[in-house]
Amino acid sequence: MRLLLISNSTNAGEPYLKYPISNIKEFLGTVTEVIFVPYAAVTFSYDEYLQKVQNRFDEIGIRVRSTHQCTDPAAAVRQAPAIVVGGGNTFALVKRMQEERLMEAIRERIEAGIPYVGWSAGSNVSCPTLCTTNDMPIVQPASFRTIGAIPFQINPHYLDKNPEGHAGETREQRILEYIEANPTVYVAGLREGCMLRVEGNTLSLIGPRPMRIFRKGTEPREVQAGDDLSFLMQGTTAQ
């Protein structure tokens, strides 16, 4: 099992996908073509999304094919040498992936060792459910179940504080609500500019910021790049 799960596509003030592209290149190795799942796009077209990703992947010599241009997206996934799932609205992504039977197809490919790259919503759907997304439910998927390649939940774009002048719940308070309802599940608050790499049962944090770990019955805590994160790969999955 090989996954590269990226918190965000773009750091403030930087071009799209610029900061993680060297990590993506190193992770994909000799791969020269990937299948891309663009269904998280809502306010722009899938064609535009494909072109945006292709422009960046041109820098690392990788051709990007998109499921939205395939007659049978699930078959295309089952034949692809690598899978890339982009960010956007997680509910829109999950609904379309379920309709195209991509959850099962991608899970099979991941289990076969095919590399998977996701950012933001694309990282969310590698988890057992979409329940730790930050997104508004603009459409209704058949269920909250997602790929389930990893046994814990990720909260991408994790923020420690609310914007100045905002008195609503913090991200941490929302996650504490989730673990109250799902007491056996770990949640990883993945801050921007950071990513998780899975190689078999080995999980590594990459990036300049620590990751915040939540689970019912324990105080939230910080882990750093280089720390042992094997407990996350052994955790009980969400129901």
Foldseek 3Di string as FASTA:
>chain_A
DKEKEAQAQDDPPDDGNVLCLVVVLVRLDPAAEEEEEEQQDDPDDSVVVLVSVQVSCVVSNHHYHYLVPDPQSLVVLLPGQAYEYEHHALLRSQQVCVVSVNLVSNLVVVVVPRYYYYYQSGNQQCAQFNQQEPHDNPDHHPDRGHNHVAQAGEYGQQDDDDPPPDDDDHSVVSVVVVQVVVQQHKYKYAHHQKIWIDDPLFIFIDGDDWIWIDHPPDDIDTDDGVDGPSVRRVTHHGD
